Protein backbone atom coordinates (compact mmCIF):
# COMPACT_ATOMS: atom_id res chain seq x y z
CA UNK A 1 -19.96 11.13 16.01
CA UNK A 2 -21.91 14.39 15.56
CA UNK A 3 -20.97 16.66 12.66
CA UNK A 4 -19.26 19.20 14.93
CA UNK A 5 -16.92 16.53 16.25
CA UNK A 6 -16.19 15.30 12.73
CA UNK A 7 -15.24 18.80 11.57
CA UNK A 8 -13.00 19.22 14.63
CA UNK A 9 -11.26 15.93 13.85
CA UNK A 10 -10.70 17.02 10.23
CA UNK A 11 -9.16 20.31 11.40
CA UNK A 12 -6.73 18.39 13.60
CA UNK A 13 -5.81 16.15 10.65
CA UNK A 14 -4.96 19.21 8.51
CA UNK A 15 -2.81 20.76 11.25
CA UNK A 16 -0.96 17.50 11.82
CA UNK A 17 -0.56 16.84 8.10
CA UNK A 18 1.31 20.12 7.64
CA UNK A 19 3.32 19.44 10.79
CA UNK A 20 5.74 16.92 9.24
CA UNK A 21 7.27 19.33 6.77
CA UNK A 22 7.32 22.06 9.42
CA UNK A 23 9.29 19.79 11.77
CA UNK A 24 11.67 18.69 9.01
CA UNK A 25 12.48 22.29 8.12
CA UNK A 26 13.06 23.21 11.75
CA UNK A 27 15.39 20.26 12.35
CA UNK A 28 18.00 21.66 9.98
CA UNK A 29 21.06 22.24 12.13
CA UNK A 30 19.29 21.36 15.38
CA UNK A 31 19.64 18.16 17.46
CA UNK A 32 16.21 16.44 17.44
CA UNK A 33 16.08 15.96 21.22
CA UNK A 34 16.87 19.63 21.84
CA UNK A 35 14.35 20.75 19.25
CA UNK A 36 11.66 18.64 20.91
CA UNK A 37 12.53 20.07 24.33
CA UNK A 38 12.13 23.60 22.93
CA UNK A 39 8.78 22.74 21.41
CA UNK A 40 7.32 21.52 24.67
CA UNK A 41 8.80 24.35 26.69
CA UNK A 42 6.77 26.67 24.46
CA UNK A 43 3.72 24.45 24.98
CA UNK A 44 4.12 24.73 28.75
CA UNK A 45 5.04 28.41 29.12
CA UNK A 46 2.99 30.53 29.60
CA UNK A 47 -0.06 28.25 29.18
CA UNK A 48 0.54 26.35 32.40
CA UNK A 49 0.05 29.57 34.43
CA UNK A 50 -3.45 30.05 32.98
CA UNK A 51 -4.73 26.53 32.34
CA UNK A 52 -5.94 24.71 35.48
CA UNK A 53 -4.52 21.33 36.43
CA UNK A 54 -6.47 18.42 34.96
CA UNK A 55 -8.81 16.52 37.25
CA UNK A 56 -7.24 13.27 36.10
CA UNK A 57 -4.98 11.36 38.45
CA UNK A 58 -1.38 12.50 38.33
CA UNK A 59 -0.32 9.02 37.21
CA UNK A 60 -2.66 9.20 34.21
CA UNK A 61 -1.36 12.62 33.19
CA UNK A 62 2.22 11.35 33.34
CA UNK A 63 1.36 8.24 31.33
CA UNK A 64 -0.41 10.23 28.61
CA UNK A 65 2.49 12.65 28.35
CA UNK A 66 5.03 9.83 28.33
CA UNK A 67 3.43 7.97 25.44
CA UNK A 68 1.55 10.60 23.41
CA UNK A 69 4.19 13.35 23.64
CA UNK A 70 7.56 12.12 24.90
CA UNK A 71 7.55 8.71 23.24
CA UNK A 72 5.80 9.56 20.02
CA UNK A 73 7.64 12.75 19.20
CA UNK A 74 11.00 11.74 20.62
CA UNK A 75 10.97 8.80 18.21
CA UNK A 76 9.47 10.76 15.30
CA UNK A 77 11.97 13.63 15.53
CA UNK A 78 14.79 11.09 15.69
CA UNK A 79 13.45 9.25 12.64
CA UNK A 80 13.25 12.47 10.62
CA UNK A 81 16.76 13.44 11.71
CA UNK A 82 18.23 10.12 10.52
CA UNK A 83 16.65 10.21 7.10
CA UNK A 84 12.91 9.49 7.22
CA UNK A 85 11.22 11.58 4.47
CA UNK A 86 8.50 13.75 6.06
CA UNK A 87 5.88 12.73 3.52
CA UNK A 88 6.46 9.05 4.19
CA UNK A 89 6.64 9.69 7.93
CA UNK A 90 3.12 11.12 7.80
CA UNK A 91 2.05 7.80 6.31
CA UNK A 92 3.94 5.30 8.46
CA UNK A 93 2.91 7.04 11.67
CA UNK A 94 -0.69 6.19 10.84
CA UNK A 95 -0.02 2.59 11.76
CA UNK A 96 -1.26 3.92 15.11
CA UNK A 97 -4.81 3.81 13.71
CA UNK A 98 -4.87 0.02 13.54
CA UNK A 99 -2.82 -0.31 16.73
CA UNK A 100 -5.18 1.96 18.67
CA UNK A 101 -8.26 0.01 17.65
CA UNK A 102 -6.53 -3.23 18.64
CA UNK A 103 -5.21 -1.85 21.94
CA UNK A 104 -8.61 -0.31 22.79
CA UNK A 105 -10.33 -3.64 22.13
CA UNK A 106 -7.88 -5.43 24.42
CA UNK A 107 -7.61 -2.85 27.22
CA UNK A 108 -11.02 -1.16 27.17
CA UNK A 109 -13.17 -3.89 25.60
CA UNK A 110 -14.30 -1.43 22.89
CA UNK A 111 -15.20 -3.89 20.17
CA UNK A 112 -15.23 -2.19 16.72
CA UNK A 113 -18.33 -2.57 14.58
CA UNK A 114 -18.18 -4.53 11.36
CA UNK A 115 -18.18 -1.36 9.24
CA UNK A 116 -15.36 0.08 11.34
CA UNK A 117 -13.33 -3.07 10.85
CA UNK A 118 -13.90 -2.88 7.10
CA UNK A 119 -12.91 0.79 7.03
CA UNK A 120 -9.78 0.27 9.10
CA UNK A 121 -8.81 -2.73 6.94
CA UNK A 122 -9.26 -0.68 3.78
CA UNK A 123 -7.30 2.20 5.27
CA UNK A 124 -4.54 -0.16 6.33
CA UNK A 125 -4.44 -1.61 2.82
CA UNK A 126 -4.10 1.93 1.51
CA UNK A 127 -1.14 2.48 3.83
CA UNK A 128 0.52 -0.64 2.43
CA UNK A 129 -0.10 0.48 -1.15
CA UNK A 130 1.37 3.93 -0.54
CA UNK A 131 4.29 2.55 1.44
CA UNK A 132 5.20 0.02 -1.26
CA UNK A 133 6.45 2.81 -3.50
CA UNK A 134 8.73 4.40 -0.91
CA UNK A 135 10.00 1.75 1.44
CA UNK A 136 13.18 1.06 -0.54
CA UNK A 137 14.18 4.73 -0.39
CA UNK A 138 13.99 4.94 3.37
CA UNK A 139 16.67 3.86 5.88
CA UNK A 140 15.48 0.70 7.62
CA UNK A 141 16.25 2.10 11.08
CA UNK A 142 14.32 5.31 10.39
CA UNK A 143 11.34 3.30 9.19
CA UNK A 144 11.17 1.16 12.34
CA UNK A 145 11.77 4.13 14.64
CA UNK A 146 8.70 5.74 13.04
CA UNK A 147 6.71 2.54 13.62
CA UNK A 148 7.75 2.67 17.27
CA UNK A 149 6.48 6.27 17.41
CA UNK A 150 3.14 5.04 16.04
CA UNK A 151 2.92 2.39 18.76
CA UNK A 152 3.64 5.00 21.44
CA UNK A 153 0.89 7.27 20.06
CA UNK A 154 -1.57 4.35 20.03
CA UNK A 155 -0.91 3.57 23.69
CA UNK A 156 -1.38 7.25 24.55
CA UNK A 157 -4.71 7.27 22.69
CA UNK A 158 -6.01 4.34 24.70
CA UNK A 159 -4.90 5.85 28.02
CA UNK A 160 -6.58 9.16 27.15
CA UNK A 161 -9.75 7.31 26.22
CA UNK A 162 -9.71 5.35 29.51
CA UNK A 163 -9.31 8.61 31.46
CA UNK A 164 -12.23 10.09 29.54
CA UNK A 165 -14.45 7.14 30.37
CA UNK A 166 -14.24 7.96 34.05
CA UNK A 167 -15.43 11.50 33.34
CA UNK A 168 -12.29 13.57 33.92
CA UNK A 169 -11.64 15.06 30.47
CA UNK A 170 -15.04 15.66 28.92
CA UNK A 171 -14.85 19.44 28.37
CA UNK A 172 -12.72 21.39 25.84
CA UNK A 173 -10.87 23.09 28.70
CA UNK A 174 -10.13 19.69 30.23
CA UNK A 175 -8.67 18.49 26.93
CA UNK A 176 -6.40 21.55 26.75
CA UNK A 177 -5.49 21.14 30.41
CA UNK A 178 -4.41 17.55 29.83
CA UNK A 179 -2.34 18.60 26.83
CA UNK A 180 -0.48 21.34 28.70
CA UNK A 181 0.17 19.54 31.97
CA UNK A 182 1.14 16.23 30.36
CA UNK A 183 3.78 18.17 28.39
CA UNK A 184 5.74 18.59 31.63
CA UNK A 185 7.25 15.13 31.19
CA UNK A 186 9.02 16.07 27.92
CA UNK A 187 11.61 18.90 28.33
CA UNK A 188 13.88 17.54 31.08
CA UNK A 189 14.42 14.04 29.60
CA UNK A 190 14.94 15.50 26.12
CA UNK A 191 17.38 18.15 27.37
CA UNK A 192 19.29 15.48 29.27
CA UNK A 193 19.52 13.36 26.12
CA UNK A 194 20.62 16.37 24.08
CA UNK A 195 23.50 17.05 26.47
CA UNK A 196 24.42 13.37 26.68
CA UNK A 197 24.38 12.75 22.92
CA UNK A 198 25.57 16.08 21.51
CA UNK A 199 27.54 17.65 24.34
CA UNK A 200 27.23 21.02 26.07
CA UNK A 201 29.07 22.92 23.33
CA UNK A 202 26.74 21.72 20.56
CA UNK A 203 23.64 22.40 22.64
CA UNK A 204 24.87 25.87 23.57
CA UNK A 205 25.69 26.70 19.97
CA UNK A 206 22.27 25.55 18.73
CA UNK A 207 20.45 27.59 21.37
CA UNK A 208 22.43 30.77 20.63
CA UNK A 209 22.12 30.44 16.85
CA UNK A 210 18.40 29.82 16.39
CA UNK A 211 17.25 30.56 12.86
CA UNK A 212 13.95 32.08 11.73
CA UNK A 213 12.73 28.72 10.29
CA UNK A 214 13.51 27.05 13.62
CA UNK A 215 11.60 29.69 15.56
CA UNK A 216 8.60 29.52 13.22
CA UNK A 217 8.66 25.73 13.30
CA UNK A 218 8.72 25.76 17.09
CA UNK A 219 5.77 28.17 17.21
CA UNK A 220 3.71 26.08 14.79
CA UNK A 221 4.43 22.75 16.43
CA UNK A 222 3.86 24.08 19.95
CA UNK A 223 0.82 26.29 19.50
CA UNK A 224 -1.03 24.68 16.62
CA UNK A 225 0.05 21.03 16.55
CA UNK A 226 0.21 20.60 20.33
CA UNK A 227 -2.07 23.12 22.06
CA UNK A 228 -4.80 23.34 19.42
CA UNK A 229 -4.38 19.88 17.89
CA UNK A 230 -4.01 17.78 21.03
CA UNK A 231 -6.39 19.95 23.02
CA UNK A 232 -9.13 19.03 20.53
CA UNK A 233 -7.88 15.46 20.14
CA UNK A 234 -7.92 14.61 23.85
CA UNK A 235 -11.42 16.05 24.15
CA UNK A 236 -12.68 13.94 21.21
CA UNK A 237 -11.16 10.80 22.71
CA UNK A 238 -12.87 11.56 26.00
CA UNK A 239 -16.29 11.95 24.38
CA UNK A 240 -16.24 9.23 21.73
CA UNK A 241 -14.95 5.69 21.26
CA UNK A 242 -11.31 5.49 20.18
CA UNK A 243 -12.29 3.38 17.17
CA UNK A 244 -14.50 6.27 15.94
CA UNK A 245 -12.02 9.11 16.54
CA UNK A 246 -8.63 7.68 15.64
CA UNK A 247 -9.41 6.74 12.00
CA UNK A 248 -9.59 10.46 11.15
CA UNK A 249 -5.80 10.49 11.33
CA UNK A 250 -5.87 8.52 8.09
CA UNK A 251 -6.43 11.94 6.49
CA UNK A 252 -2.97 13.02 7.67
CA UNK A 253 -0.88 11.06 5.09
CA UNK A 254 -2.47 12.59 1.95
CA UNK A 255 -2.11 16.06 3.47
CA UNK A 256 1.45 15.41 4.65
CA UNK A 257 2.53 13.93 1.33
CA UNK A 258 0.94 16.74 -0.66
CA UNK A 259 2.71 19.29 1.53
CA UNK A 260 6.03 17.47 1.11
CA UNK A 261 5.45 17.45 -2.64
CA UNK A 262 4.86 21.20 -2.79
CA UNK A 263 7.49 22.26 -0.24
CA UNK A 264 10.24 19.64 -0.61
CA UNK A 265 9.63 18.23 -4.09
CA UNK A 266 8.72 14.75 -2.78
CA UNK A 267 6.68 13.82 -5.82
CA UNK A 268 4.09 11.09 -5.13
CA UNK A 269 3.71 8.24 -7.60
CA UNK A 270 0.48 6.98 -9.14
CA UNK A 271 0.54 4.10 -6.65
CA UNK A 272 0.76 6.55 -3.75
CA UNK A 273 -2.20 8.51 -5.11
CA UNK A 274 -4.25 5.32 -5.36
CA UNK A 275 -3.28 4.38 -1.82
CA UNK A 276 -4.25 7.84 -0.58
CA UNK A 277 -7.69 7.44 -2.16
CA UNK A 278 -8.07 4.11 -0.38
CA UNK A 279 -7.21 5.83 2.89
CA UNK A 280 -9.90 8.45 2.42
CA UNK A 281 -12.50 5.82 1.58
CA UNK A 282 -11.46 3.88 4.66
CA UNK A 283 -12.02 6.97 6.81
CA UNK A 284 -15.46 7.52 5.29
CA UNK A 285 -16.51 3.93 6.00
CA UNK A 286 -15.02 3.76 9.49
CA UNK A 287 -16.55 7.02 10.72
CA UNK A 288 -19.95 6.50 9.12
CA UNK A 289 -19.71 9.45 6.75
CA UNK A 290 -21.13 7.38 3.90
CA UNK A 291 -24.15 6.53 6.05
CA UNK A 292 -24.70 10.24 6.78
CA UNK A 293 -24.96 10.97 3.06
CA UNK A 294 -27.86 8.55 2.90
CA UNK A 295 -29.61 10.26 5.81
CA UNK A 296 -28.85 7.70 8.44
CA UNK A 297 -28.00 8.71 12.00
CA UNK A 298 -24.52 7.87 13.20
CA UNK A 299 -23.63 7.93 16.88
């Protein structure tokens, strides 16, 4: 990928790395399904009145929203609410890196290069190393719900890439358009679940007693993590192979864990630091950054 695309991918990784602690803080006293519905309502309004409809087929927009937004975040918010530490969540969710490369190879016939396979393998090994120090402290259900969120994200990545290959999301505006319009699939199902699980009284109380942290968390997750983050992300997936773009999310765990350390006192162990270093090296190998340093051209 060109340098501009690499820098854009790094920016997205930073935004998403901070996002886990932001979500965790906002979930205090708020049902996860309701909180997710609020987030995507803010994503949709007022942006949908100014951002044109994507040129993609309606079915593709619904599928991307269902997996990349509804599935991923519905499961992630639930996992955090039932005890998944945000720092560890930022790590486990990156199982989507390996899953995306595998799914893209199967569905799109995008065969990774040997260096990409080595980088992804090293990054995956780093995930295992980091996770080995925390798995016993995490509820089993929360862990597997987070893995399910990773699988949903991976499927969404592959669908977005397939849409991009037919030339419907190649501009920055198109990436933002896809992000906004695909968000339409989230609020109604999440609101329905909130009422079904928590009841009308609990939902009404939460909506009429919003706290400042909840409002700030909603603003961050909607405007930065969703509109800015996924607007850039969908555009990158449309322009470049999934196996080249997705590994940048391996930067998210070190950022997420460092943020959790500073904000929530989730102190990483030496093993986690070693694993984080392995992740970064895996990203460098997979994306060709090491080749750039030696003056070689990477496409």
